[in-house]
Amino acid sequence: MGYPHIKGSWSEQKMKLKTKFASLTDSDLMYLEGKKVEMMMKLQLKLGKTHEELQEILAGL
């Protein structure tokens, strides 16, 4: 039950996510080493998406 590897730099991916979901903030997308799962769970809650839906979104970026 992991998350896909982020393609490209996280900065680029953050911009794509913020463009797609205007409600996301820099704080929501702050990646801290070893805290990827916590950040992804926070995104799931904020966006109202399931784990699988968030995986598909990230894979499609």
Protein backbone atom coordinates (compact mmCIF):
# COMPACT_ATOMS: atom_id res chain seq x y z
CA MET A 1 0.00 0.00 0.00
CA GLY A 2 2.63 2.47 -1.09
CA TYR A 3 2.59 5.56 -3.20
CA PRO A 4 4.10 5.79 -6.65
CA HIS A 5 7.56 7.20 -7.07
CA ILE A 6 7.33 10.90 -7.86
CA LYS A 7 8.46 11.57 -11.43
CA GLY A 8 10.66 14.63 -11.83
CA SER A 9 11.46 17.06 -9.06
CA TRP A 10 9.07 17.50 -6.15
CA SER A 11 8.98 21.25 -6.92
CA GLU A 12 7.57 20.53 -10.38
CA GLN A 13 5.05 18.06 -9.01
CA LYS A 14 3.92 20.51 -6.31
CA MET A 15 3.19 23.12 -8.95
CA LYS A 16 1.17 20.62 -10.99
CA LEU A 17 -0.82 19.57 -7.92
CA LYS A 18 -1.47 23.19 -6.91
CA THR A 19 -2.64 23.96 -10.45
CA LYS A 20 -4.97 20.96 -10.48
CA PHE A 21 -6.22 21.51 -6.89
CA ALA A 22 -6.37 25.21 -6.04
CA SER A 23 -7.19 24.45 -2.40
CA LEU A 24 -3.71 23.01 -1.76
CA THR A 25 -1.15 25.20 -0.05
CA ASP A 26 2.64 25.05 0.21
CA SER A 27 2.15 23.81 3.76
CA ASP A 28 0.01 20.90 2.52
CA LEU A 29 2.74 19.91 0.09
CA MET A 30 5.75 20.32 2.36
CA TYR A 31 7.80 17.13 2.03
CA LEU A 32 9.87 16.20 5.06
CA GLU A 33 12.29 13.29 4.86
CA GLY A 34 10.67 10.18 6.29
CA LYS A 35 7.20 11.79 6.43
CA LYS A 36 5.91 10.93 2.96
CA VAL A 37 3.07 8.72 4.22
CA GLU A 38 1.88 11.39 6.66
CA MET A 39 1.91 14.03 3.91
CA MET A 40 -0.01 11.74 1.55
CA MET A 41 -2.62 10.97 4.21
CA LYS A 42 -3.04 14.71 4.79
CA LEU A 43 -3.56 15.22 1.05
CA GLN A 44 -6.14 12.41 0.96
CA LEU A 45 -8.13 14.10 3.72
CA LYS A 46 -7.86 17.60 2.27
CA LEU A 47 -8.86 16.48 -1.23
CA GLY A 48 -11.45 13.94 -0.10
CA LYS A 49 -9.74 11.20 -2.12
CA THR A 50 -9.11 7.55 -1.34
CA HIS A 51 -5.62 6.09 -1.25
CA GLU A 52 -6.18 4.59 -4.69
CA GLU A 53 -7.51 7.84 -6.17
CA LEU A 54 -4.50 9.77 -4.86
CA GLN A 55 -2.17 7.13 -6.32
CA GLU A 56 -3.81 7.58 -9.73
CA ILE A 57 -3.52 11.37 -9.51
CA LEU A 58 0.18 11.20 -8.64
CA ALA A 59 0.89 8.60 -11.32
CA GLY A 60 -0.78 10.83 -13.91
CA LEU A 61 1.32 13.92 -13.19
